[in-house]
PDB file of N, CA and C in Angstrom:
ATOM      1  N   MET A   1      22.169 -12.191 -10.115  1.00  0.00           N
ATOM      2  CA  MET A   1      20.942 -12.948  -9.992  1.00  0.00           C
ATOM      3  C   MET A   1      19.925 -12.429 -11.001  1.00  0.00           C
ATOM      4  N   ASN A   2      19.138 -13.329 -11.545  1.00  0.00           N
ATOM      5  CA  ASN A   2      18.118 -12.909 -12.486  1.00  0.00           C
ATOM      6  C   ASN A   2      16.811 -12.590 -11.756  1.00  0.00           C
ATOM      7  N   LYS A   3      15.818 -12.187 -12.520  1.00  0.00           N
ATOM      8  CA  LYS A   3      14.553 -11.727 -11.940  1.00  0.00           C
ATOM      9  C   LYS A   3      13.839 -12.832 -11.168  1.00  0.00           C
ATOM     10  N   LYS A   4      13.802 -14.036 -11.695  1.00  0.00           N
ATOM     11  CA  LYS A   4      13.118 -15.144 -11.015  1.00  0.00           C
ATOM     12  C   LYS A   4      13.784 -15.503  -9.694  1.00  0.00           C
ATOM     13  N   GLU A   5      15.112 -15.482  -9.659  1.00  0.00           N
ATOM     14  CA  GLU A   5      15.829 -15.790  -8.424  1.00  0.00           C
ATOM     15  C   GLU A   5      15.583 -14.711  -7.368  1.00  0.00           C
ATOM     16  N   MET A   6      15.541 -13.453  -7.804  1.00  0.00           N
ATOM     17  CA  MET A   6      15.287 -12.360  -6.864  1.00  0.00           C
ATOM     18  C   MET A   6      13.881 -12.453  -6.285  1.00  0.00           C
ATOM     19  N   CYS A   7      12.926 -12.886  -7.083  1.00  0.00           N
ATOM     20  CA  CYS A   7      11.542 -12.956  -6.621  1.00  0.00           C
ATOM     21  C   CYS A   7      11.264 -14.180  -5.754  1.00  0.00           C
ATOM     22  N   ASN A   8      12.202 -15.099  -5.651  1.00  0.00           N
ATOM     23  CA  ASN A   8      12.048 -16.245  -4.755  1.00  0.00           C
ATOM     24  C   ASN A   8      12.553 -15.948  -3.358  1.00  0.00           C
ATOM     25  N   LYS A   9      13.074 -14.753  -3.140  1.00  0.00           N
ATOM     26  CA  LYS A   9      13.555 -14.371  -1.815  1.00  0.00           C
ATOM     27  C   LYS A   9      12.387 -14.092  -0.874  1.00  0.00           C
ATOM     28  N   LYS A  10      12.712 -13.942   0.393  1.00  0.00           N
ATOM     29  CA  LYS A  10      11.725 -13.590   1.401  1.00  0.00           C
ATOM     30  C   LYS A  10      11.267 -12.148   1.189  1.00  0.00           C
ATOM     31  N   SER A  11       9.991 -11.869   1.412  1.00  0.00           N
ATOM     32  CA  SER A  11       9.443 -10.533   1.206  1.00  0.00           C
ATOM     33  C   SER A  11       9.968  -9.556   2.246  1.00  0.00           C
ATOM     34  N   ILE A  12      10.206  -8.309   1.806  1.00  0.00           N
ATOM     35  CA  ILE A  12      10.670  -7.278   2.736  1.00  0.00           C
ATOM     36  C   ILE A  12       9.628  -6.192   2.973  1.00  0.00           C
ATOM     37  N   ALA A  13       8.616  -6.098   2.088  1.00  0.00           N
ATOM     38  CA  ALA A  13       7.557  -5.104   2.250  1.00  0.00           C
ATOM     39  C   ALA A  13       6.300  -5.590   1.537  1.00  0.00           C
ATOM     40  N   TYR A  14       5.165  -4.968   1.896  1.00  0.00           N
ATOM     41  CA  TYR A  14       3.873  -5.381   1.362  1.00  0.00           C
ATOM     42  C   TYR A  14       3.043  -4.151   1.019  1.00  0.00           C
ATOM     43  N   TYR A  15       2.326  -4.223  -0.096  1.00  0.00           N
ATOM     44  CA  TYR A  15       1.380  -3.183  -0.512  1.00  0.00           C
ATOM     45  C   TYR A  15       0.065  -3.886  -0.801  1.00  0.00           C
ATOM     46  N   SER A  16      -1.055  -3.370  -0.285  1.00  0.00           N
ATOM     47  CA  SER A  16      -2.315  -4.114  -0.373  1.00  0.00           C
ATOM     48  C   SER A  16      -3.106  -3.855  -1.650  1.00  0.00           C
ATOM     49  N   GLY A  17      -2.471  -3.405  -2.699  1.00  0.00           N
ATOM     50  CA  GLY A  17      -3.139  -3.265  -3.986  1.00  0.00           C
ATOM     51  C   GLY A  17      -2.739  -4.394  -4.914  1.00  0.00           C
ATOM     52  N   PHE A  18      -3.441  -4.523  -6.029  1.00  0.00           N
ATOM     53  CA  PHE A  18      -3.128  -5.518  -7.060  1.00  0.00           C
ATOM     54  C   PHE A  18      -3.147  -6.939  -6.513  1.00  0.00           C
ATOM     55  N   ASN A  19      -4.140  -7.246  -5.689  1.00  0.00           N
ATOM     56  CA  ASN A  19      -4.303  -8.569  -5.073  1.00  0.00           C
ATOM     57  C   ASN A  19      -3.094  -8.972  -4.245  1.00  0.00           C
ATOM     58  N   GLY A  20      -2.450  -8.017  -3.646  1.00  0.00           N
ATOM     59  CA  GLY A  20      -1.296  -8.269  -2.795  1.00  0.00           C
ATOM     60  C   GLY A  20       0.001  -8.137  -3.552  1.00  0.00           C
ATOM     61  N   LEU A  21       0.721  -7.053  -3.336  1.00  0.00           N
ATOM     62  CA  LEU A  21       2.005  -6.816  -3.986  1.00  0.00           C
ATOM     63  C   LEU A  21       3.078  -6.945  -2.913  1.00  0.00           C
ATOM     64  N   GLU A  22       4.008  -7.848  -3.110  1.00  0.00           N
ATOM     65  CA  GLU A  22       5.088  -8.077  -2.150  1.00  0.00           C
ATOM     66  C   GLU A  22       6.419  -7.675  -2.758  1.00  0.00           C
ATOM     67  N   ILE A  23       7.121  -6.786  -2.095  1.00  0.00           N
ATOM     68  CA  ILE A  23       8.444  -6.371  -2.543  1.00  0.00           C
ATOM     69  C   ILE A  23       9.448  -7.392  -2.026  1.00  0.00           C
ATOM     70  N   LYS A  24      10.235  -7.918  -2.937  1.00  0.00           N
ATOM     71  CA  LYS A  24      11.197  -8.962  -2.596  1.00  0.00           C
ATOM     72  C   LYS A  24      12.606  -8.431  -2.384  1.00  0.00           C
ATOM     73  N   ALA A  25      13.032  -7.466  -3.196  1.00  0.00           N
ATOM     74  CA  ALA A  25      14.407  -6.960  -3.089  1.00  0.00           C
ATOM     75  C   ALA A  25      14.501  -5.591  -3.749  1.00  0.00           C
ATOM     76  N   ILE A  26      15.501  -4.836  -3.325  1.00  0.00           N
ATOM     77  CA  ILE A  26      15.826  -3.562  -3.952  1.00  0.00           C
ATOM     78  C   ILE A  26      17.274  -3.642  -4.401  1.00  0.00           C
ATOM     79  N   GLU A  27      17.498  -3.327  -5.667  1.00  0.00           N
ATOM     80  CA  GLU A  27      18.843  -3.387  -6.247  1.00  0.00           C
ATOM     81  C   GLU A  27      19.352  -1.953  -6.430  1.00  0.00           C
ATOM     82  N   TYR A  28      20.455  -1.658  -5.782  1.00  0.00           N
ATOM     83  CA  TYR A  28      21.035  -0.322  -5.850  1.00  0.00           C
ATOM     84  C   TYR A  28      22.171  -0.310  -6.859  1.00  0.00           C
ATOM     85  N   GLY A  29      22.278   0.769  -7.603  1.00  0.00           N
ATOM     86  CA  GLY A  29      23.315   0.912  -8.619  1.00  0.00           C
ATOM     87  C   GLY A  29      23.178   2.271  -9.266  1.00  0.00           C
ATOM     88  N   LEU A  30      23.588   2.370 -10.514  1.00  0.00           N
ATOM     89  CA  LEU A  30      23.421   3.617 -11.250  1.00  0.00           C
ATOM     90  C   LEU A  30      21.938   3.981 -11.324  1.00  0.00           C
ATOM     91  N   ASP A  31      21.105   3.023 -11.649  1.00  0.00           N
ATOM     92  CA  ASP A  31      19.648   3.134 -11.531  1.00  0.00           C
ATOM     93  C   ASP A  31      19.210   2.126 -10.488  1.00  0.00           C
ATOM     94  N   ASP A  32      18.306   2.520  -9.608  1.00  0.00           N
ATOM     95  CA  ASP A  32      17.809   1.627  -8.570  1.00  0.00           C
ATOM     96  C   ASP A  32      16.547   0.928  -9.070  1.00  0.00           C
ATOM     97  N   PHE A  33      16.430  -0.367  -8.750  1.00  0.00           N
ATOM     98  CA  PHE A  33      15.295  -1.165  -9.191  1.00  0.00           C
ATOM     99  C   PHE A  33      14.687  -1.901  -8.014  1.00  0.00           C
ATOM    100  N   VAL A  34      13.391  -2.168  -8.111  1.00  0.00           N
ATOM    101  CA  VAL A  34      12.681  -2.949  -7.109  1.00  0.00           C
ATOM    102  C   VAL A  34      12.163  -4.220  -7.789  1.00  0.00           C
ATOM    103  N   TYR A  35      12.287  -5.342  -7.112  1.00  0.00           N
ATOM    104  CA  TYR A  35      11.760  -6.624  -7.577  1.00  0.00           C
ATOM    105  C   TYR A  35      10.554  -6.952  -6.720  1.00  0.00           C
ATOM    106  N   PHE A  36       9.447  -7.333  -7.365  1.00  0.00           N
ATOM    107  CA  PHE A  36       8.227  -7.578  -6.608  1.00  0.00           C
ATOM    108  C   PHE A  36       7.361  -8.611  -7.307  1.00  0.00           C
ATOM    109  N   THR A  37       6.436  -9.183  -6.545  1.00  0.00           N
ATOM    110  CA  THR A  37       5.454 -10.111  -7.090  1.00  0.00           C
ATOM    111  C   THR A  37       4.068  -9.530  -6.858  1.00  0.00           C
ATOM    112  N   VAL A  38       3.148  -9.838  -7.755  1.00  0.00           N
ATOM    113  CA  VAL A  38       1.746  -9.441  -7.603  1.00  0.00           C
ATOM    114  C   VAL A  38       0.888 -10.697  -7.536  1.00  0.00           C
ATOM    115  N   ASN A  39      -0.367 -10.529  -7.139  1.00  0.00           N
ATOM    116  CA  ASN A  39      -1.315 -11.638  -6.924  1.00  0.00           C
ATOM    117  C   ASN A  39      -0.856 -12.545  -5.795  1.00  0.00           C
ATOM    118  N   SER A  40      -0.369 -11.968  -4.723  1.00  0.00           N
ATOM    119  CA  SER A  40       0.120 -12.757  -3.593  1.00  0.00           C
ATOM    120  C   SER A  40      -1.003 -13.426  -2.818  1.00  0.00           C
ATOM    121  N   TRP A  41      -2.237 -12.990  -2.990  1.00  0.00           N
ATOM    122  CA  TRP A  41      -3.357 -13.596  -2.285  1.00  0.00           C
ATOM    123  C   TRP A  41      -3.800 -14.895  -2.940  1.00  0.00           C
ATOM    124  N   TYR A  42      -3.262 -15.199  -4.107  1.00  0.00           N
ATOM    125  CA  TYR A  42      -3.638 -16.414  -4.829  1.00  0.00           C
ATOM    126  C   TYR A  42      -2.544 -17.468  -4.710  1.00  0.00           C
ATOM    127  N   GLU A  43      -2.806 -18.616  -5.268  1.00  0.00           N
ATOM    128  CA  GLU A  43      -1.838 -19.703  -5.224  1.00  0.00           C
ATOM    129  C   GLU A  43      -0.586 -19.358  -6.037  1.00  0.00           C
ATOM    130  N   GLN A  44       0.431 -20.131  -5.896  1.00  0.00           N
ATOM    131  CA  GLN A  44       1.742 -19.870  -6.495  1.00  0.00           C
ATOM    132  C   GLN A  44       1.678 -19.724  -8.013  1.00  0.00           C
ATOM    133  N   SER A  45       0.800 -20.445  -8.668  1.00  0.00           N
ATOM    134  CA  SER A  45       0.769 -20.418 -10.135  1.00  0.00           C
ATOM    135  C   SER A  45       0.275 -19.088 -10.695  1.00  0.00           C
ATOM    136  N   LYS A  46      -0.468 -18.307  -9.926  1.00  0.00           N
ATOM    137  CA  LYS A  46      -0.992 -17.024 -10.404  1.00  0.00           C
ATOM    138  C   LYS A  46      -0.065 -15.858 -10.105  1.00  0.00           C
ATOM    139  N   LYS A  47       0.963 -16.053  -9.285  1.00  0.00           N
ATOM    140  CA  LYS A  47       1.899 -14.985  -8.970  1.00  0.00           C
ATOM    141  C   LYS A  47       2.745 -14.654 -10.193  1.00  0.00           C
ATOM    142  N   SER A  48       3.071 -13.377 -10.320  1.00  0.00           N
ATOM    143  CA  SER A  48       3.957 -12.975 -11.411  1.00  0.00           C
ATOM    144  C   SER A  48       5.043 -12.062 -10.858  1.00  0.00           C
ATOM    145  N   CYS A  49       6.225 -12.186 -11.398  1.00  0.00           N
ATOM    146  CA  CYS A  49       7.395 -11.469 -10.920  1.00  0.00           C
ATOM    147  C   CYS A  49       7.680 -10.283 -11.837  1.00  0.00           C
ATOM    148  N   HIS A  50       8.055  -9.146 -11.241  1.00  0.00           N
ATOM    149  CA  HIS A  50       8.292  -7.929 -12.016  1.00  0.00           C
ATOM    150  C   HIS A  50       9.512  -7.188 -11.486  1.00  0.00           C
ATOM    151  N   ARG A  51      10.056  -6.329 -12.347  1.00  0.00           N
ATOM    152  CA  ARG A  51      11.181  -5.464 -11.995  1.00  0.00           C
ATOM    153  C   ARG A  51      10.827  -4.064 -12.463  1.00  0.00           C
ATOM    154  N   ALA A  52      10.974  -3.065 -11.585  1.00  0.00           N
ATOM    155  CA  ALA A  52      10.617  -1.696 -11.950  1.00  0.00           C
ATOM    156  C   ALA A  52      11.672  -0.728 -11.427  1.00  0.00           C
ATOM    157  N   LYS A  53      11.863   0.346 -12.168  1.00  0.00           N
ATOM    158  CA  LYS A  53      12.804   1.382 -11.778  1.00  0.00           C
ATOM    159  C   LYS A  53      12.212   2.227 -10.658  1.00  0.00           C
ATOM    160  N   ILE A  54      13.055   2.628  -9.709  1.00  0.00           N
ATOM    161  CA  ILE A  54      12.636   3.503  -8.620  1.00  0.00           C
ATOM    162  C   ILE A  54      12.909   4.943  -9.032  1.00  0.00           C
ATOM    163  N   TYR A  55      11.898   5.784  -8.879  1.00  0.00           N
ATOM    164  CA  TYR A  55      12.006   7.203  -9.210  1.00  0.00           C
ATOM    165  C   TYR A  55      12.070   8.018  -7.923  1.00  0.00           C
ATOM    166  N   TYR A  56      12.932   9.023  -7.911  1.00  0.00           N
ATOM    167  CA  TYR A  56      13.094   9.899  -6.754  1.00  0.00           C
ATOM    168  C   TYR A  56      12.664  11.309  -7.130  1.00  0.00           C
ATOM    169  N   THR A  57      11.776  11.905  -6.333  1.00  0.00           N
ATOM    170  CA  THR A  57      11.379  13.298  -6.515  1.00  0.00           C
ATOM    171  C   THR A  57      11.618  14.029  -5.200  1.00  0.00           C
ATOM    172  N   ASN A  58      11.303  15.309  -5.182  1.00  0.00           N
ATOM    173  CA  ASN A  58      11.489  16.081  -3.950  1.00  0.00           C
ATOM    174  C   ASN A  58      10.558  15.623  -2.837  1.00  0.00           C
ATOM    175  N   ASN A  59       9.373  15.141  -3.195  1.00  0.00           N
ATOM    176  CA  ASN A  59       8.371  14.802  -2.186  1.00  0.00           C
ATOM    177  C   ASN A  59       8.299  13.322  -1.836  1.00  0.00           C
ATOM    178  N   ASP A  60       8.591  12.450  -2.774  1.00  0.00           N
ATOM    179  CA  ASP A  60       8.421  11.026  -2.486  1.00  0.00           C
ATOM    180  C   ASP A  60       9.298  10.156  -3.383  1.00  0.00           C
ATOM    181  N   THR A  61       9.298   8.879  -3.053  1.00  0.00           N
ATOM    182  CA  THR A  61      10.017   7.854  -3.807  1.00  0.00           C
ATOM    183  C   THR A  61       8.983   6.826  -4.245  1.00  0.00           C
ATOM    184  N   PHE A  62       8.980   6.461  -5.535  1.00  0.00           N
ATOM    185  CA  PHE A  62       7.958   5.557  -6.032  1.00  0.00           C
ATOM    186  C   PHE A  62       8.490   4.722  -7.179  1.00  0.00           C
ATOM    187  N   PHE A  63       7.722   3.673  -7.512  1.00  0.00           N
ATOM    188  CA  PHE A  63       7.954   2.892  -8.721  1.00  0.00           C
ATOM    189  C   PHE A  63       6.614   2.722  -9.416  1.00  0.00           C
ATOM    190  N   LYS A  64       6.628   2.334 -10.671  1.00  0.00           N
ATOM    191  CA  LYS A  64       5.408   2.220 -11.457  1.00  0.00           C
ATOM    192  C   LYS A  64       5.102   0.768 -11.778  1.00  0.00           C
ATOM    193  N   TYR A  65       3.811   0.442 -11.703  1.00  0.00           N
ATOM    194  CA  TYR A  65       3.320  -0.867 -12.122  1.00  0.00           C
ATOM    195  C   TYR A  65       1.990  -0.654 -12.842  1.00  0.00           C
ATOM    196  N   ASN A  66       1.883  -1.090 -14.079  1.00  0.00           N
ATOM    197  CA  ASN A  66       0.691  -0.923 -14.911  1.00  0.00           C
ATOM    198  C   ASN A  66       0.226   0.532 -14.980  1.00  0.00           C
ATOM    199  N   GLY A  67       1.145   1.465 -14.988  1.00  0.00           N
ATOM    200  CA  GLY A  67       0.812   2.872 -15.088  1.00  0.00           C
ATOM    201  C   GLY A  67       0.467   3.539 -13.772  1.00  0.00           C
ATOM    202  N   TYR A  68       0.430   2.791 -12.682  1.00  0.00           N
ATOM    203  CA  TYR A  68       0.133   3.337 -11.365  1.00  0.00           C
ATOM    204  C   TYR A  68       1.428   3.616 -10.607  1.00  0.00           C
ATOM    205  N   LYS A  69       1.457   4.732  -9.905  1.00  0.00           N
ATOM    206  CA  LYS A  69       2.596   5.055  -9.060  1.00  0.00           C
ATOM    207  C   LYS A  69       2.376   4.429  -7.689  1.00  0.00           C
ATOM    208  N   ILE A  70       3.340   3.660  -7.234  1.00  0.00           N
ATOM    209  CA  ILE A  70       3.272   3.039  -5.914  1.00  0.00           C
ATOM    210  C   ILE A  70       4.375   3.652  -5.074  1.00  0.00           C
ATOM    211  N   LYS A  71       3.992   4.420  -4.071  1.00  0.00           N
ATOM    212  CA  LYS A  71       4.966   5.075  -3.206  1.00  0.00           C
ATOM    213  C   LYS A  71       5.552   4.054  -2.246  1.00  0.00           C
ATOM    214  N   LEU A  72       6.843   4.121  -2.064  1.00  0.00           N
ATOM    215  CA  LEU A  72       7.478   3.212  -1.109  1.00  0.00           C
ATOM    216  C   LEU A  72       7.036   3.521   0.317  1.00  0.00           C
ATOM    217  N   ALA A  73       6.617   4.764   0.586  1.00  0.00           N
ATOM    218  CA  ALA A  73       6.138   5.130   1.911  1.00  0.00           C
ATOM    219  C   ALA A  73       4.794   4.457   2.231  1.00  0.00           C
ATOM    220  N   ASP A  74       4.043   4.046   1.204  1.00  0.00           N
ATOM    221  CA  ASP A  74       2.765   3.379   1.404  1.00  0.00           C
ATOM    222  C   ASP A  74       2.920   1.880   1.626  1.00  0.00           C
ATOM    223  N   CYS A  75       4.106   1.350   1.443  1.00  0.00           N
ATOM    224  CA  CYS A  75       4.354  -0.086   1.635  1.00  0.00           C
ATOM    225  C   CYS A  75       4.664  -0.349   3.103  1.00  0.00           C
ATOM    226  N   ILE A  76       4.171  -1.463   3.583  1.00  0.00           N
ATOM    227  CA  ILE A  76       4.375  -1.852   4.977  1.00  0.00           C
ATOM    228  C   ILE A  76       5.598  -2.746   5.059  1.00  0.00           C
ATOM    229  N   ARG A  77       6.551  -2.360   5.886  1.00  0.00           N
ATOM    230  CA  ARG A  77       7.773  -3.148   6.047  1.00  0.00           C
ATOM    231  C   ARG A  77       7.460  -4.418   6.821  1.00  0.00           C
ATOM    232  N   MET A  78       8.019  -5.537   6.370  1.00  0.00           N
ATOM    233  CA  MET A  78       7.755  -6.841   7.017  1.00  0.00           C
ATOM    234  C   MET A  78       8.987  -7.310   7.770  1.00  0.00           C
TER     235      MET A  78
END
């Protein structure tokens, strides 16, 4: 599946930054990736779909968007 198809799925988690960030899917493999949309508080035309690598450290698990670290522990499961 490509990025657009993954972002049309039902949301699995929510983060209240960036005008509403909704995590759509997590892809597991050699490198793990998260698919998400931003601007969820606006109409469909303003939403944008993104793919980011998941980083694992001793203390937390996070991905980056626009230079900001978003911890998966800070996301609310839906």
